[in-house]
Amino acid sequence: MNKQKNLVIGLAVSLLLIIFVLLNTEPVTINFLVVKPKLPLIVVLVIMAFLGALVSWLMGEKSQNDQKGAWGFFKKKNDKKINE
């Protein structure tokens, strides 16, 4: 039942994204330092979404590593107390 629910939600989101892509095809100018490329709006949105996901993933990886380090420190500290 849970897999079917996820499939229906995934299909609904995919349909909404396809409609969104079809409605956002007009070109926009992007001012980026010296260059001013003209790209379809959806391309800009997809690139920004990808970059946002990449930054979030990288920050999540750092956070997970920090947590592992904290738990490793906590475990070592408790191991010393147990051995004493």
PDB file of N, CA and C in Angstrom:
ATOM      1  N   MET A   1       0.828  -1.192   0.000  1.00  0.00           N
ATOM      2  CA  MET A   1       0.000   0.000   0.000  1.00  0.00           C
ATOM      3  C   MET A   1       0.876   1.260   0.000  1.00  0.00           C
ATOM      4  N   ASN A   2       1.954   1.234   0.779  1.00  0.00           N
ATOM      5  CA  ASN A   2       2.836   2.385   0.880  1.00  0.00           C
ATOM      6  C   ASN A   2       3.542   2.660  -0.445  1.00  0.00           C
ATOM      7  N   LYS A   3       3.925   1.591  -1.162  1.00  0.00           N
ATOM      8  CA  LYS A   3       4.585   1.761  -2.460  1.00  0.00           C
ATOM      9  C   LYS A   3       3.623   2.382  -3.468  1.00  0.00           C
ATOM     10  N   GLN A   4       2.357   1.987  -3.418  1.00  0.00           N
ATOM     11  CA  GLN A   4       1.361   2.550  -4.329  1.00  0.00           C
ATOM     12  C   GLN A   4       1.139   4.031  -4.029  1.00  0.00           C
ATOM     13  N   LYS A   5       1.112   4.369  -2.770  1.00  0.00           N
ATOM     14  CA  LYS A   5       0.934   5.755  -2.370  1.00  0.00           C
ATOM     15  C   LYS A   5       2.107   6.593  -2.879  1.00  0.00           C
ATOM     16  N   ASN A   6       3.329   6.094  -2.714  1.00  0.00           N
ATOM     17  CA  ASN A   6       4.509   6.805  -3.195  1.00  0.00           C
ATOM     18  C   ASN A   6       4.498   6.940  -4.718  1.00  0.00           C
ATOM     19  N   LEU A   7       4.035   5.909  -5.415  1.00  0.00           N
ATOM     20  CA  LEU A   7       3.956   5.951  -6.869  1.00  0.00           C
ATOM     21  C   LEU A   7       2.973   7.017  -7.327  1.00  0.00           C
ATOM     22  N   VAL A   8       1.806   7.070  -6.703  1.00  0.00           N
ATOM     23  CA  VAL A   8       0.793   8.063  -7.070  1.00  0.00           C
ATOM     24  C   VAL A   8       1.306   9.473  -6.792  1.00  0.00           C
ATOM     25  N   ILE A   9       1.938   9.671  -5.650  1.00  0.00           N
ATOM     26  CA  ILE A   9       2.489  10.986  -5.321  1.00  0.00           C
ATOM     27  C   ILE A   9       3.586  11.359  -6.315  1.00  0.00           C
ATOM     28  N   GLY A  10       4.444  10.403  -6.638  1.00  0.00           N
ATOM     29  CA  GLY A  10       5.522  10.655  -7.607  1.00  0.00           C
ATOM     30  C   GLY A  10       4.981  11.005  -8.986  1.00  0.00           C
ATOM     31  N   LEU A  11       3.945  10.308  -9.420  1.00  0.00           N
ATOM     32  CA  LEU A  11       3.342  10.607 -10.723  1.00  0.00           C
ATOM     33  C   LEU A  11       2.686  11.984 -10.727  1.00  0.00           C
ATOM     34  N   ALA A  12       2.013  12.334  -9.634  1.00  0.00           N
ATOM     35  CA  ALA A  12       1.374  13.648  -9.538  1.00  0.00           C
ATOM     36  C   ALA A  12       2.416  14.768  -9.574  1.00  0.00           C
ATOM     37  N   VAL A  13       3.495  14.588  -8.837  1.00  0.00           N
ATOM     38  CA  VAL A  13       4.560  15.595  -8.839  1.00  0.00           C
ATOM     39  C   VAL A  13       5.197  15.687 -10.218  1.00  0.00           C
ATOM     40  N   SER A  14       5.424  14.556 -10.868  1.00  0.00           N
ATOM     41  CA  SER A  14       6.002  14.556 -12.214  1.00  0.00           C
ATOM     42  C   SER A  14       5.094  15.280 -13.201  1.00  0.00           C
ATOM     43  N   LEU A  15       3.801  15.041 -13.107  1.00  0.00           N
ATOM     44  CA  LEU A  15       2.849  15.721 -13.990  1.00  0.00           C
ATOM     45  C   LEU A  15       2.871  17.226 -13.760  1.00  0.00           C
ATOM     46  N   LEU A  16       2.904  17.642 -12.504  1.00  0.00           N
ATOM     47  CA  LEU A  16       2.983  19.071 -12.195  1.00  0.00           C
ATOM     48  C   LEU A  16       4.275  19.687 -12.729  1.00  0.00           C
ATOM     49  N   LEU A  17       5.383  18.959 -12.617  1.00  0.00           N
ATOM     50  CA  LEU A  17       6.653  19.463 -13.137  1.00  0.00           C
ATOM     51  C   LEU A  17       6.639  19.582 -14.659  1.00  0.00           C
ATOM     52  N   ILE A  18       6.033  18.630 -15.327  1.00  0.00           N
ATOM     53  CA  ILE A  18       5.943  18.688 -16.786  1.00  0.00           C
ATOM     54  C   ILE A  18       5.109  19.893 -17.218  1.00  0.00           C
ATOM     55  N   ILE A  19       3.980  20.113 -16.546  1.00  0.00           N
ATOM     56  CA  ILE A  19       3.153  21.286 -16.848  1.00  0.00           C
ATOM     57  C   ILE A  19       3.948  22.561 -16.586  1.00  0.00           C
ATOM     58  N   PHE A  20       4.685  22.603 -15.487  1.00  0.00           N
ATOM     59  CA  PHE A  20       5.494  23.759 -15.138  1.00  0.00           C
ATOM     60  C   PHE A  20       6.542  24.039 -16.215  1.00  0.00           C
ATOM     61  N   VAL A  21       7.175  22.993 -16.718  1.00  0.00           N
ATOM     62  CA  VAL A  21       8.180  23.143 -17.783  1.00  0.00           C
ATOM     63  C   VAL A  21       7.538  23.702 -19.040  1.00  0.00           C
ATOM     64  N   LEU A  22       6.388  23.177 -19.411  1.00  0.00           N
ATOM     65  CA  LEU A  22       5.737  23.625 -20.636  1.00  0.00           C
ATOM     66  C   LEU A  22       5.274  25.073 -20.552  1.00  0.00           C
ATOM     67  N   LEU A  23       4.976  25.556 -19.367  1.00  0.00           N
ATOM     68  CA  LEU A  23       4.508  26.930 -19.198  1.00  0.00           C
ATOM     69  C   LEU A  23       5.637  27.942 -19.034  1.00  0.00           C
ATOM     70  N   ASN A  24       6.854  27.494 -18.813  1.00  0.00           N
ATOM     71  CA  ASN A  24       7.976  28.400 -18.549  1.00  0.00           C
ATOM     72  C   ASN A  24       9.095  28.230 -19.564  1.00  0.00           C
ATOM     73  N   THR A  25       8.784  28.494 -20.818  1.00  0.00           N
ATOM     74  CA  THR A  25       9.787  28.327 -21.866  1.00  0.00           C
ATOM     75  C   THR A  25      10.301  29.647 -22.422  1.00  0.00           C
ATOM     76  N   GLU A  26       9.743  30.784 -21.987  1.00  0.00           N
ATOM     77  CA  GLU A  26      10.191  32.070 -22.541  1.00  0.00           C
ATOM     78  C   GLU A  26      11.616  32.366 -22.091  1.00  0.00           C
ATOM     79  N   PRO A  27      12.413  32.966 -22.974  1.00  0.00           N
ATOM     80  CA  PRO A  27      13.814  33.257 -22.632  1.00  0.00           C
ATOM     81  C   PRO A  27      13.933  34.426 -21.654  1.00  0.00           C
ATOM     82  N   VAL A  28      14.891  34.318 -20.759  1.00  0.00           N
ATOM     83  CA  VAL A  28      15.180  35.387 -19.803  1.00  0.00           C
ATOM     84  C   VAL A  28      16.677  35.680 -19.866  1.00  0.00           C
ATOM     85  N   THR A  29      17.013  36.921 -19.558  1.00  0.00           N
ATOM     86  CA  THR A  29      18.422  37.319 -19.534  1.00  0.00           C
ATOM     87  C   THR A  29      18.922  37.246 -18.108  1.00  0.00           C
ATOM     88  N   ILE A  30      20.075  36.642 -17.939  1.00  0.00           N
ATOM     89  CA  ILE A  30      20.674  36.493 -16.613  1.00  0.00           C
ATOM     90  C   ILE A  30      21.917  37.365 -16.560  1.00  0.00           C
ATOM     91  N   ASN A  31      21.994  38.235 -15.590  1.00  0.00           N
ATOM     92  CA  ASN A  31      23.179  39.067 -15.398  1.00  0.00           C
ATOM     93  C   ASN A  31      24.118  38.359 -14.432  1.00  0.00           C
ATOM     94  N   PHE A  32      25.175  37.785 -14.970  1.00  0.00           N
ATOM     95  CA  PHE A  32      26.138  37.058 -14.153  1.00  0.00           C
ATOM     96  C   PHE A  32      27.524  37.630 -14.411  1.00  0.00           C
ATOM     97  N   LEU A  33      27.971  38.494 -13.520  1.00  0.00           N
ATOM     98  CA  LEU A  33      29.246  39.193 -13.643  1.00  0.00           C
ATOM     99  C   LEU A  33      29.326  39.931 -14.973  1.00  0.00           C
ATOM    100  N   VAL A  34      30.140  39.444 -15.894  1.00  0.00           N
ATOM    101  CA  VAL A  34      30.355  40.145 -17.158  1.00  0.00           C
ATOM    102  C   VAL A  34      29.433  39.622 -18.256  1.00  0.00           C
ATOM    103  N   VAL A  35      29.052  38.366 -18.172  1.00  0.00           N
ATOM    104  CA  VAL A  35      28.242  37.748 -19.220  1.00  0.00           C
ATOM    105  C   VAL A  35      26.756  37.930 -18.936  1.00  0.00           C
ATOM    106  N   LYS A  36      25.971  37.964 -19.999  1.00  0.00           N
ATOM    107  CA  LYS A  36      24.525  38.086 -19.891  1.00  0.00           C
ATOM    108  C   LYS A  36      23.866  37.068 -20.834  1.00  0.00           C
ATOM    109  N   PRO A  37      23.890  35.786 -20.455  1.00  0.00           N
ATOM    110  CA  PRO A  37      23.286  34.786 -21.340  1.00  0.00           C
ATOM    111  C   PRO A  37      21.762  34.884 -21.334  1.00  0.00           C
ATOM    112  N   LYS A  38      21.168  34.475 -22.426  1.00  0.00           N
ATOM    113  CA  LYS A  38      19.706  34.443 -22.552  1.00  0.00           C
ATOM    114  C   LYS A  38      19.306  32.974 -22.665  1.00  0.00           C
ATOM    115  N   LEU A  39      18.613  32.491 -21.632  1.00  0.00           N
ATOM    116  CA  LEU A  39      18.219  31.082 -21.564  1.00  0.00           C
ATOM    117  C   LEU A  39      16.726  30.981 -21.281  1.00  0.00           C
ATOM    118  N   PRO A  40      16.123  29.851 -21.648  1.00  0.00           N
ATOM    119  CA  PRO A  40      14.726  29.649 -21.244  1.00  0.00           C
ATOM    120  C   PRO A  40      14.622  29.619 -19.713  1.00  0.00           C
ATOM    121  N   LEU A  41      13.543  30.155 -19.198  1.00  0.00           N
ATOM    122  CA  LEU A  41      13.359  30.251 -17.752  1.00  0.00           C
ATOM    123  C   LEU A  41      13.468  28.891 -17.081  1.00  0.00           C
ATOM    124  N   ILE A  42      12.927  27.863 -17.691  1.00  0.00           N
ATOM    125  CA  ILE A  42      12.947  26.542 -17.052  1.00  0.00           C
ATOM    126  C   ILE A  42      14.372  26.025 -16.906  1.00  0.00           C
ATOM    127  N   VAL A  43      15.251  26.350 -17.868  1.00  0.00           N
ATOM    128  CA  VAL A  43      16.651  25.921 -17.764  1.00  0.00           C
ATOM    129  C   VAL A  43      17.296  26.584 -16.556  1.00  0.00           C
ATOM    130  N   VAL A  44      17.025  27.866 -16.387  1.00  0.00           N
ATOM    131  CA  VAL A  44      17.567  28.595 -15.241  1.00  0.00           C
ATOM    132  C   VAL A  44      17.042  27.985 -13.941  1.00  0.00           C
ATOM    133  N   LEU A  45      15.756  27.693 -13.891  1.00  0.00           N
ATOM    134  CA  LEU A  45      15.174  27.110 -12.679  1.00  0.00           C
ATOM    135  C   LEU A  45      15.752  25.736 -12.369  1.00  0.00           C
ATOM    136  N   VAL A  46      15.948  24.925 -13.390  1.00  0.00           N
ATOM    137  CA  VAL A  46      16.508  23.585 -13.174  1.00  0.00           C
ATOM    138  C   VAL A  46      17.949  23.691 -12.681  1.00  0.00           C
ATOM    139  N   ILE A  47      18.727  24.586 -13.278  1.00  0.00           N
ATOM    140  CA  ILE A  47      20.119  24.763 -12.838  1.00  0.00           C
ATOM    141  C   ILE A  47      20.162  25.231 -11.383  1.00  0.00           C
ATOM    142  N   MET A  48      19.309  26.192 -11.036  1.00  0.00           N
ATOM    143  CA  MET A  48      19.290  26.700  -9.657  1.00  0.00           C
ATOM    144  C   MET A  48      18.816  25.624  -8.674  1.00  0.00           C
ATOM    145  N   ALA A  49      17.839  24.822  -9.081  1.00  0.00           N
ATOM    146  CA  ALA A  49      17.369  23.735  -8.219  1.00  0.00           C
ATOM    147  C   ALA A  49      18.482  22.709  -8.005  1.00  0.00           C
ATOM    148  N   PHE A  50      19.204  22.382  -9.078  1.00  0.00           N
ATOM    149  CA  PHE A  50      20.311  21.435  -8.970  1.00  0.00           C
ATOM    150  C   PHE A  50      21.396  21.976  -8.044  1.00  0.00           C
ATOM    151  N   LEU A  51      21.752  23.257  -8.227  1.00  0.00           N
ATOM    152  CA  LEU A  51      22.778  23.851  -7.367  1.00  0.00           C
ATOM    153  C   LEU A  51      22.322  23.900  -5.907  1.00  0.00           C
ATOM    154  N   GLY A  52      21.051  24.201  -5.687  1.00  0.00           N
ATOM    155  CA  GLY A  52      20.517  24.204  -4.322  1.00  0.00           C
ATOM    156  C   GLY A  52      20.564  22.814  -3.695  1.00  0.00           C
ATOM    157  N   ALA A  53      20.207  21.805  -4.479  1.00  0.00           N
ATOM    158  CA  ALA A  53      20.260  20.427  -3.980  1.00  0.00           C
ATOM    159  C   ALA A  53      21.696  20.015  -3.691  1.00  0.00           C
ATOM    160  N   LEU A  54      22.626  20.427  -4.550  1.00  0.00           N
ATOM    161  CA  LEU A  54      24.037  20.106  -4.347  1.00  0.00           C
ATOM    162  C   LEU A  54      24.564  20.737  -3.062  1.00  0.00           C
ATOM    163  N   VAL A  55      24.242  21.998  -2.846  1.00  0.00           N
ATOM    164  CA  VAL A  55      24.687  22.681  -1.620  1.00  0.00           C
ATOM    165  C   VAL A  55      24.067  22.011  -0.392  1.00  0.00           C
ATOM    166  N   SER A  56      22.781  21.685  -0.467  1.00  0.00           N
ATOM    167  CA  SER A  56      22.119  21.011   0.660  1.00  0.00           C
ATOM    168  C   SER A  56      22.757  19.668   0.950  1.00  0.00           C
ATOM    169  N   TRP A  57      23.056  18.918  -0.103  1.00  0.00           N
ATOM    170  CA  TRP A  57      23.669  17.606   0.078  1.00  0.00           C
ATOM    171  C   TRP A  57      25.051  17.744   0.704  1.00  0.00           C
ATOM    172  N   LEU A  58      25.829  18.700   0.204  1.00  0.00           N
ATOM    173  CA  LEU A  58      27.167  18.896   0.762  1.00  0.00           C
ATOM    174  C   LEU A  58      27.101  19.328   2.220  1.00  0.00           C
ATOM    175  N   MET A  59      26.171  20.195   2.562  1.00  0.00           N
ATOM    176  CA  MET A  59      26.017  20.621   3.951  1.00  0.00           C
ATOM    177  C   MET A  59      25.542  19.447   4.818  1.00  0.00           C
ATOM    178  N   GLY A  60      24.687  18.598   4.268  1.00  0.00           N
ATOM    179  CA  GLY A  60      24.227  17.417   4.992  1.00  0.00           C
ATOM    180  C   GLY A  60      25.353  16.441   5.246  1.00  0.00           C
ATOM    181  N   GLU A  61      26.225  16.260   4.267  1.00  0.00           N
ATOM    182  CA  GLU A  61      27.380  15.381   4.441  1.00  0.00           C
ATOM    183  C   GLU A  61      28.278  15.906   5.548  1.00  0.00           C
ATOM    184  N   LYS A  62      28.508  17.210   5.565  1.00  0.00           N
ATOM    185  CA  LYS A  62      29.339  17.814   6.599  1.00  0.00           C
ATOM    186  C   LYS A  62      28.682  17.624   7.964  1.00  0.00           C
ATOM    187  N   SER A  63      27.372  17.820   8.016  1.00  0.00           N
ATOM    188  CA  SER A  63      26.657  17.671   9.272  1.00  0.00           C
ATOM    189  C   SER A  63      26.724  16.229   9.772  1.00  0.00           C
ATOM    190  N   GLN A  64      26.572  15.269   8.857  1.00  0.00           N
ATOM    191  CA  GLN A  64      26.649  13.859   9.255  1.00  0.00           C
ATOM    192  C   GLN A  64      28.042  13.520   9.759  1.00  0.00           C
ATOM    193  N   ASN A  65      29.060  14.037   9.107  1.00  0.00           N
ATOM    194  CA  ASN A  65      30.428  13.772   9.560  1.00  0.00           C
ATOM    195  C   ASN A  65      30.665  14.405  10.925  1.00  0.00           C
ATOM    196  N   ASP A  66      30.145  15.606  11.144  1.00  0.00           N
ATOM    197  CA  ASP A  66      30.281  16.254  12.443  1.00  0.00           C
ATOM    198  C   ASP A  66      29.596  15.440  13.526  1.00  0.00           C
ATOM    199  N   GLN A  67      28.419  14.901  13.216  1.00  0.00           N
ATOM    200  CA  GLN A  67      27.687  14.104  14.203  1.00  0.00           C
ATOM    201  C   GLN A  67      28.426  12.812  14.508  1.00  0.00           C
ATOM    202  N   LYS A  68      28.973  12.185  13.497  1.00  0.00           N
ATOM    203  CA  LYS A  68      29.732  10.954  13.725  1.00  0.00           C
ATOM    204  C   LYS A  68      30.933  11.245  14.609  1.00  0.00           C
ATOM    205  N   GLY A  69      31.584  12.355  14.342  1.00  0.00           N
ATOM    206  CA  GLY A  69      32.729  12.735  15.155  1.00  0.00           C
ATOM    207  C   GLY A  69      32.328  13.003  16.592  1.00  0.00           C
ATOM    208  N   ALA A  70      31.193  13.664  16.775  1.00  0.00           N
ATOM    209  CA  ALA A  70      30.721  13.966  18.130  1.00  0.00           C
ATOM    210  C   ALA A  70      30.376  12.679  18.865  1.00  0.00           C
ATOM    211  N   TRP A  71      29.702  11.762  18.175  1.00  0.00           N
ATOM    212  CA  TRP A  71      29.342  10.509  18.830  1.00  0.00           C
ATOM    213  C   TRP A  71      30.586   9.674  19.109  1.00  0.00           C
ATOM    214  N   GLY A  72      31.549   9.730  18.196  1.00  0.00           N
ATOM    215  CA  GLY A  72      32.793   9.002  18.431  1.00  0.00           C
ATOM    216  C   GLY A  72      33.508   9.542  19.658  1.00  0.00           C
ATOM    217  N   PHE A  73      33.531  10.847  19.838  1.00  0.00           N
ATOM    218  CA  PHE A  73      34.142  11.455  21.012  1.00  0.00           C
ATOM    219  C   PHE A  73      33.388  11.039  22.269  1.00  0.00           C
ATOM    220  N   PHE A  74      32.056  11.069  22.187  1.00  0.00           N
ATOM    221  CA  PHE A  74      31.228  10.703  23.336  1.00  0.00           C
ATOM    222  C   PHE A  74      31.469   9.242  23.725  1.00  0.00           C
ATOM    223  N   LYS A  75      31.557   8.374  22.738  1.00  0.00           N
ATOM    224  CA  LYS A  75      31.770   6.960  22.995  1.00  0.00           C
ATOM    225  C   LYS A  75      33.137   6.729  23.646  1.00  0.00           C
ATOM    226  N   LYS A  76      34.183   7.381  23.133  1.00  0.00           N
ATOM    227  CA  LYS A  76      35.515   7.222  23.703  1.00  0.00           C
ATOM    228  C   LYS A  76      35.547   7.716  25.146  1.00  0.00           C
ATOM    229  N   LYS A  77      34.861   8.803  25.414  1.00  0.00           N
ATOM    230  CA  LYS A  77      34.828   9.360  26.753  1.00  0.00           C
ATOM    231  C   LYS A  77      34.149   8.380  27.718  1.00  0.00           C
ATOM    232  N   ASN A  78      33.054   7.768  27.276  1.00  0.00           N
ATOM    233  CA  ASN A  78      32.351   6.800  28.117  1.00  0.00           C
ATOM    234  C   ASN A  78      33.150   5.518  28.289  1.00  0.00           C
ATOM    235  N   ASP A  79      33.880   5.100  27.261  1.00  0.00           N
ATOM    236  CA  ASP A  79      34.704   3.907  27.367  1.00  0.00           C
ATOM    237  C   ASP A  79      35.771   4.096  28.438  1.00  0.00           C
ATOM    238  N   LYS A  80      36.332   5.294  28.531  1.00  0.00           N
ATOM    239  CA  LYS A  80      37.343   5.563  29.551  1.00  0.00           C
ATOM    240  C   LYS A  80      36.737   5.474  30.944  1.00  0.00           C
ATOM    241  N   LYS A  81      35.529   5.990  31.113  1.00  0.00           N
ATOM    242  CA  LYS A  81      34.865   5.950  32.417  1.00  0.00           C
ATOM    243  C   LYS A  81      34.553   4.519  32.820  1.00  0.00           C
ATOM    244  N   ILE A  82      34.156   3.698  31.836  1.00  0.00           N
ATOM    245  CA  ILE A  82      33.817   2.305  32.136  1.00  0.00           C
ATOM    246  C   ILE A  82      35.049   1.537  32.550  1.00  0.00           C
ATOM    247  N   ASN A  83      36.173   1.785  31.880  1.00  0.00           N
ATOM    248  CA  ASN A  83      37.402   1.063  32.167  1.00  0.00           C
ATOM    249  C   ASN A  83      38.032   1.478  33.499  1.00  0.00           C
ATOM    250  N   GLU A  84      37.706   2.647  34.000  1.00  0.00           N
ATOM    251  CA  GLU A  84      38.329   3.125  35.250  1.00  0.00           C
ATOM    252  C   GLU A  84      37.760   2.501  36.444  1.00  0.00           C
TER     253      GLU A  84
END
